[in-house]
């Protein structure tokens, strides 16, 4: 019987593991891979104490820090279900069929990139359609590309690409940008950015690679020739792992300020929850809260047995 199982491989999970172990219990981290969304980030410049660091480098630092503690790792395996065995025990099933038992669980599974669900998107994914500007942007040096979305993810992608490609077309279904003002300013002032507002993507086309896309604005359709399309319209929470939680309309797990779900002993933290902004520092803080509270819960249960 394990004390605590933490499901996830990014800042919320690693923070939860560190704080739980420091609080005096054992922790097992289950993750198919480490890093999460931060691996798709060019630079992190808003994490307290670190002026600027590449996203993948910071992800490695988090893992190194976690490994300073006696944490058990189940890496390379995805957890598929969290359920109750009895009133005192959780079961976490892995994709290979192994079932782990624990007194408490923290779900820190984050999210995955939201798709447009338009014609050509699926067929051309990996052939010019991308969900990671940092990963694939360098492939388009000297080319024109489109960034679909003008929120946090879209502005960051556009800002990064201005230094990489010939021209960036930012296509937004509404008006204006959202995100950090410093990034928005950078995008607005870039000479190689063209803004397409109130525009709805209808199709991405090309054979065998992306050649362009079609969007509609004010009832008129426009054909825009680009070599790549970066879809940056937010994330979908990976919350379907358990029936023991309650979710909101967006699929985010409902938690209270203590990071508790509706099931005693089951916690959630990070971008999979309905609490707080989807920012790195928020996820790390929520992981801390979940790890500490889970540790207190486990210690209380142990004292009763």
Protein backbone atom coordinates (compact mmCIF):
# COMPACT_ATOMS: atom_id res chain seq x y z
CA UNK A 1 0.00 0.00 0.00
CA UNK A 2 1.45 3.35 -1.06
CA UNK A 3 0.87 6.57 0.83
CA UNK A 4 0.27 8.89 -2.11
CA UNK A 5 0.13 8.50 -5.88
CA UNK A 6 0.56 11.67 -7.96
CA UNK A 7 -0.54 11.45 -11.58
CA UNK A 8 1.18 13.89 -13.92
CA UNK A 9 4.61 14.94 -15.15
CA UNK A 10 4.78 18.70 -14.89
CA UNK A 11 5.14 21.43 -12.27
CA UNK A 12 1.97 20.68 -10.28
CA UNK A 13 2.85 17.00 -9.93
CA UNK A 14 6.51 17.58 -9.12
CA UNK A 15 5.69 20.29 -6.59
CA UNK A 16 3.13 17.99 -4.94
CA UNK A 17 5.73 15.22 -4.68
CA UNK A 18 8.35 17.47 -3.09
CA UNK A 19 6.00 18.93 -0.50
CA UNK A 20 4.38 15.60 0.34
CA UNK A 21 7.74 13.93 0.96
CA UNK A 22 8.99 16.87 2.99
CA UNK A 23 5.81 16.56 5.07
CA UNK A 24 6.76 13.02 5.99
CA UNK A 25 4.99 10.60 3.67
CA UNK A 26 6.01 8.51 0.67
CA UNK A 27 5.06 9.59 -2.84
CA UNK A 28 4.87 7.83 -6.21
CA UNK A 29 4.73 9.87 -9.43
CA UNK A 30 3.07 8.30 -12.46
CA UNK A 31 3.80 10.07 -15.76
CA UNK A 32 3.99 9.07 -19.39
CA UNK A 33 6.44 11.95 -19.91
CA UNK A 34 7.81 14.95 -18.05
CA UNK A 35 7.46 18.63 -18.84
CA UNK A 36 3.91 19.17 -20.02
CA UNK A 37 3.01 22.46 -21.71
CA UNK A 38 6.25 24.12 -20.60
CA UNK A 39 8.08 22.01 -23.18
CA UNK A 40 6.23 24.04 -25.82
CA UNK A 41 7.35 27.37 -24.37
CA UNK A 42 10.31 29.23 -25.84
CA UNK A 43 11.19 31.26 -22.74
CA UNK A 44 9.77 31.59 -19.25
CA UNK A 45 10.23 35.15 -18.01
CA UNK A 46 7.56 35.45 -15.32
CA UNK A 47 8.58 32.81 -12.77
CA UNK A 48 9.71 34.45 -9.55
CA UNK A 49 13.48 34.37 -9.05
CA UNK A 50 14.27 33.33 -12.63
CA UNK A 51 14.54 36.24 -15.05
CA UNK A 52 14.58 34.12 -18.17
CA UNK A 53 14.96 30.43 -18.94
CA UNK A 54 13.96 28.17 -21.82
CA UNK A 55 10.86 26.11 -21.16
CA UNK A 56 12.43 22.68 -21.74
CA UNK A 57 15.42 23.66 -19.57
CA UNK A 58 13.12 24.70 -16.74
CA UNK A 59 11.20 21.44 -17.07
CA UNK A 60 14.49 19.56 -16.59
CA UNK A 61 15.28 21.65 -13.52
CA UNK A 62 11.93 20.71 -11.98
CA UNK A 63 12.62 17.01 -12.52
CA UNK A 64 16.13 17.33 -11.09
CA UNK A 65 14.74 19.04 -8.00
CA UNK A 66 12.10 16.36 -7.50
CA UNK A 67 14.74 13.65 -7.77
CA UNK A 68 16.63 15.16 -4.86
CA UNK A 69 13.96 13.46 -2.76
CA UNK A 70 13.15 9.78 -2.35
CA UNK A 71 10.28 9.73 -4.83
CA UNK A 72 9.21 6.57 -6.61
CA UNK A 73 8.76 7.11 -10.34
CA UNK A 74 6.55 5.23 -12.75
CA UNK A 75 7.74 7.03 -15.88
CA UNK A 76 6.70 6.14 -19.40
CA UNK A 77 3.36 4.78 -18.28
CA UNK A 78 0.00 6.55 -18.54
CA UNK A 79 -2.56 6.17 -15.78
CA UNK A 80 -5.93 5.26 -17.29
CA UNK A 81 -8.28 5.20 -14.29
CA UNK A 82 -8.57 6.21 -10.65
CA UNK A 83 -11.19 4.39 -8.60
CA UNK A 84 -11.97 3.33 -5.05
CA UNK A 85 -11.24 -0.20 -3.90
CA UNK A 86 -12.82 0.42 -0.52
CA UNK A 87 -13.36 3.33 1.87
CA UNK A 88 -9.64 3.53 2.69
CA UNK A 89 -7.96 2.60 -0.59
CA UNK A 90 -7.64 4.08 -4.07
CA UNK A 91 -6.70 2.05 -7.12
CA UNK A 92 -4.77 3.61 -10.00
CA UNK A 93 -4.73 1.49 -13.14
CA UNK A 94 -1.89 1.93 -15.64
CA UNK A 95 -2.04 1.39 -19.38
CA UNK A 96 -0.10 -1.86 -19.09
CA UNK A 97 -2.75 -3.28 -16.74
CA UNK A 98 -0.79 -2.86 -13.50
CA UNK A 99 -2.91 -1.59 -10.59
CA UNK A 100 -1.34 0.53 -7.85
CA UNK A 101 -2.99 1.04 -4.46
CA UNK A 102 -2.67 4.09 -2.24
CA UNK A 103 -4.30 5.97 0.60
CA UNK A 104 -4.54 9.23 -1.37
CA UNK A 105 -4.20 10.48 -4.95
CA UNK A 106 -3.35 13.81 -6.57
CA UNK A 107 -4.54 14.26 -10.16
CA UNK A 108 -2.22 16.71 -11.95
CA UNK A 109 -2.75 15.60 -15.53
CA UNK A 110 -2.83 19.05 -17.14
CA UNK A 111 -4.36 19.42 -20.58
CA UNK A 112 -3.82 18.89 -24.28
CA UNK A 113 -4.00 21.35 -27.16
CA UNK A 114 -7.46 22.26 -28.39
CA UNK A 115 -8.16 21.58 -32.07
CA UNK A 116 -10.09 23.65 -34.60
CA UNK A 117 -11.99 20.67 -36.00
CA UNK A 118 -12.00 22.07 -39.53
CA UNK A 119 -11.50 20.42 -42.89
CA UNK A 120 -7.89 19.43 -43.54
CA UNK A 121 -6.65 19.91 -39.98
CA UNK A 122 -6.36 16.26 -39.05
CA UNK A 123 -5.04 15.15 -42.43
CA UNK A 124 -2.31 17.81 -42.43
CA UNK A 125 -1.24 17.53 -38.80
CA UNK A 126 2.52 17.04 -38.87
CA UNK A 127 2.53 18.22 -42.49
CA UNK A 128 2.33 21.93 -41.80
CA UNK A 129 -0.35 21.93 -39.11
CA UNK A 130 1.31 22.20 -35.71
CA UNK A 131 0.35 22.81 -32.09
CA UNK A 132 3.83 23.82 -30.96
CA UNK A 133 5.53 26.90 -32.41
CA UNK A 134 8.71 26.31 -30.42
CA UNK A 135 8.98 22.74 -31.68
CA UNK A 136 8.24 23.31 -35.35
CA UNK A 137 8.75 27.04 -35.98
CA UNK A 138 12.38 26.71 -37.11
CA UNK A 139 11.20 24.55 -40.02
CA UNK A 140 9.62 27.62 -41.62
CA UNK A 141 12.51 30.07 -41.88
CA UNK A 142 11.89 32.39 -44.81
CA UNK A 143 8.24 31.35 -45.05
CA UNK A 144 4.88 32.88 -44.20
CA UNK A 145 2.88 31.11 -41.50
CA UNK A 146 -0.40 31.55 -39.67
CA UNK A 147 -1.02 31.53 -35.93
CA UNK A 148 -4.64 30.76 -35.14
CA UNK A 149 -5.61 32.33 -31.82
CA UNK A 150 -4.74 35.52 -29.97
CA UNK A 151 -4.90 34.50 -26.32
CA UNK A 152 -1.97 33.65 -24.06
CA UNK A 153 -0.83 30.76 -26.25
CA UNK A 154 -1.38 32.62 -29.51
CA UNK A 155 0.48 35.78 -28.53
CA UNK A 156 3.42 33.79 -27.18
CA UNK A 157 3.59 31.72 -30.37
CA UNK A 158 3.38 34.80 -32.58
CA UNK A 159 6.04 36.64 -30.58
CA UNK A 160 8.40 33.69 -30.88
CA UNK A 161 7.79 33.24 -34.61
CA UNK A 162 8.48 36.90 -35.47
CA UNK A 163 12.19 36.17 -34.99
CA UNK A 164 12.06 32.94 -36.97
CA UNK A 165 9.85 33.24 -40.06
CA UNK A 166 9.40 35.80 -42.84
CA UNK A 167 5.86 36.79 -41.88
CA UNK A 168 3.26 35.84 -39.28
CA UNK A 169 -0.47 36.06 -39.92
CA UNK A 170 -2.38 36.13 -36.63
CA UNK A 171 -5.96 34.98 -37.18
CA UNK A 172 -8.42 35.63 -34.38
CA UNK A 173 -12.14 34.87 -34.35
CA UNK A 174 -12.78 37.97 -32.20
CA UNK A 175 -11.04 41.32 -31.71
CA UNK A 176 -7.86 42.16 -29.86
CA UNK A 177 -5.38 40.10 -27.90
CA UNK A 178 -5.36 38.66 -24.41
CA UNK A 179 -2.37 37.58 -22.38
CA UNK A 180 0.57 39.46 -20.92
CA UNK A 181 0.76 43.07 -22.04
CA UNK A 182 4.50 42.86 -22.63
CA UNK A 183 3.98 40.02 -25.14
CA UNK A 184 0.99 41.69 -26.78
CA UNK A 185 3.05 44.85 -27.28
CA UNK A 186 5.85 42.84 -28.86
CA UNK A 187 3.44 41.27 -31.34
CA UNK A 188 1.68 44.53 -32.18
CA UNK A 189 4.95 46.34 -32.81
CA UNK A 190 6.52 43.61 -34.94
CA UNK A 191 6.82 44.71 -38.57
CA UNK A 192 6.33 41.19 -39.93
CA UNK A 193 2.94 40.50 -38.30
CA UNK A 194 -0.38 40.91 -40.07
CA UNK A 195 -3.56 40.81 -38.00
CA UNK A 196 -6.79 39.18 -39.20
CA UNK A 197 -9.56 39.83 -36.65
CA UNK A 198 -13.15 38.55 -36.53
CA UNK A 199 -12.01 35.77 -38.86
CA UNK A 200 -13.25 32.19 -38.68
CA UNK A 201 -11.06 29.42 -40.12
CA UNK A 202 -13.03 27.19 -42.48
CA UNK A 203 -10.40 24.97 -44.05
CA UNK A 204 -6.69 24.17 -44.15
CA UNK A 205 -5.53 22.77 -47.47
CA UNK A 206 -2.49 21.37 -49.23
CA UNK A 207 -1.07 18.21 -50.77
CA UNK A 208 1.04 16.71 -49.35
CA UNK A 209 1.98 19.71 -47.16
CA UNK A 210 0.05 22.77 -46.04
CA UNK A 211 -0.29 25.32 -48.83
CA UNK A 212 -2.80 27.68 -47.26
CA UNK A 213 -6.06 28.15 -45.41
CA UNK A 214 -9.45 29.68 -45.94
CA UNK A 215 -11.21 31.95 -43.48
CA UNK A 216 -14.46 33.86 -43.41
CA UNK A 217 -14.89 37.44 -42.24
CA UNK A 218 -18.04 39.54 -42.52
CA UNK A 219 -19.55 36.94 -44.80
CA UNK A 220 -16.63 37.03 -47.23
CA UNK A 221 -14.20 34.15 -47.70
CA UNK A 222 -10.46 34.77 -48.00
CA UNK A 223 -7.77 32.42 -49.27
CA UNK A 224 -4.47 32.90 -47.43
CA UNK A 225 -1.36 31.16 -48.72
CA UNK A 226 0.90 30.00 -45.88
CA UNK A 227 3.40 27.19 -45.45
CA UNK A 228 2.40 26.39 -41.89
CA UNK A 229 -0.54 26.80 -39.51
CA UNK A 230 0.04 26.89 -35.76
CA UNK A 231 -3.14 26.18 -33.82
CA UNK A 232 -2.94 28.06 -30.52
CA UNK A 233 -6.49 28.22 -29.15
CA UNK A 234 -5.97 26.93 -25.63
CA UNK A 235 -6.11 23.55 -23.98
CA UNK A 236 -8.62 20.85 -23.07
CA UNK A 237 -8.24 19.43 -19.53
CA UNK A 238 -7.21 15.79 -19.20
CA UNK A 239 -9.91 15.14 -16.62
CA UNK A 240 -11.52 11.95 -17.85
CA UNK A 241 -9.40 9.73 -15.67
CA UNK A 242 -11.91 9.22 -12.86
CA UNK A 243 -15.63 9.15 -12.10
CA UNK A 244 -14.81 10.17 -8.52
CA UNK A 245 -14.46 13.83 -9.51
CA UNK A 246 -16.95 16.47 -10.55
CA UNK A 247 -16.18 18.71 -13.53
CA UNK A 248 -17.52 22.01 -14.84
CA UNK A 249 -18.89 22.67 -18.32
CA UNK A 250 -15.37 23.01 -19.70
CA UNK A 251 -14.29 19.66 -18.27
CA UNK A 252 -12.12 21.14 -15.51
CA UNK A 253 -12.10 19.31 -12.18
CA UNK A 254 -13.94 21.16 -9.43
CA UNK A 255 -11.77 21.68 -6.35
CA UNK A 256 -11.98 23.82 -3.23
CA UNK A 257 -9.15 26.13 -2.08
CA UNK A 258 -7.53 23.12 -0.37
CA UNK A 259 -7.36 21.38 -3.76
CA UNK A 260 -9.84 18.74 -2.57
CA UNK A 261 -12.26 17.12 -5.01
CA UNK A 262 -15.67 15.84 -3.98
CA UNK A 263 -14.05 12.54 -2.92
CA UNK A 264 -12.17 12.44 0.38
CA UNK A 265 -8.49 11.69 -0.14
CA UNK A 266 -8.58 12.64 -3.83
CA UNK A 267 -6.97 15.96 -4.80
CA UNK A 268 -6.33 17.78 -8.08
CA UNK A 269 -3.86 20.50 -9.03
CA UNK A 270 -2.67 22.53 -12.00
CA UNK A 271 -4.27 23.14 -15.38
CA UNK A 272 -6.74 20.26 -14.96
CA UNK A 273 -8.61 22.16 -12.22
CA UNK A 274 -11.19 24.94 -12.34
CA UNK A 275 -9.25 27.08 -9.86
CA UNK A 276 -6.91 29.94 -10.83
CA UNK A 277 -5.15 31.04 -13.98
CA UNK A 278 -3.32 28.56 -16.19
CA UNK A 279 0.13 29.80 -15.30
CA UNK A 280 3.26 27.92 -14.29
CA UNK A 281 3.56 29.58 -10.89
CA UNK A 282 -0.12 28.85 -10.14
CA UNK A 283 0.29 25.17 -11.01
CA UNK A 284 3.36 24.85 -8.79
CA UNK A 285 1.51 26.54 -5.93
CA UNK A 286 -1.50 24.30 -6.33
CA UNK A 287 0.78 21.27 -6.35
CA UNK A 288 2.27 22.47 -3.07
CA UNK A 289 -1.20 22.85 -1.54
CA UNK A 290 -2.35 19.45 -2.77
CA UNK A 291 0.82 17.70 -1.60
CA UNK A 292 0.67 19.19 1.89
CA UNK A 293 -3.03 18.47 2.36
CA UNK A 294 -2.70 14.96 1.01
CA UNK A 295 0.15 14.35 3.45
CA UNK A 296 -1.99 15.47 6.40
CA UNK A 297 -4.81 13.25 5.20
CA UNK A 298 -2.54 10.21 4.88
CA UNK A 299 -0.97 10.74 8.29
CA UNK A 300 -4.41 11.03 9.87
CA UNK A 301 -5.57 7.81 8.25
CA UNK A 302 -2.42 6.00 9.36
CA UNK A 303 -2.93 7.14 12.95
CA UNK A 304 -6.48 5.76 12.92
CA UNK A 305 -5.43 2.31 11.74
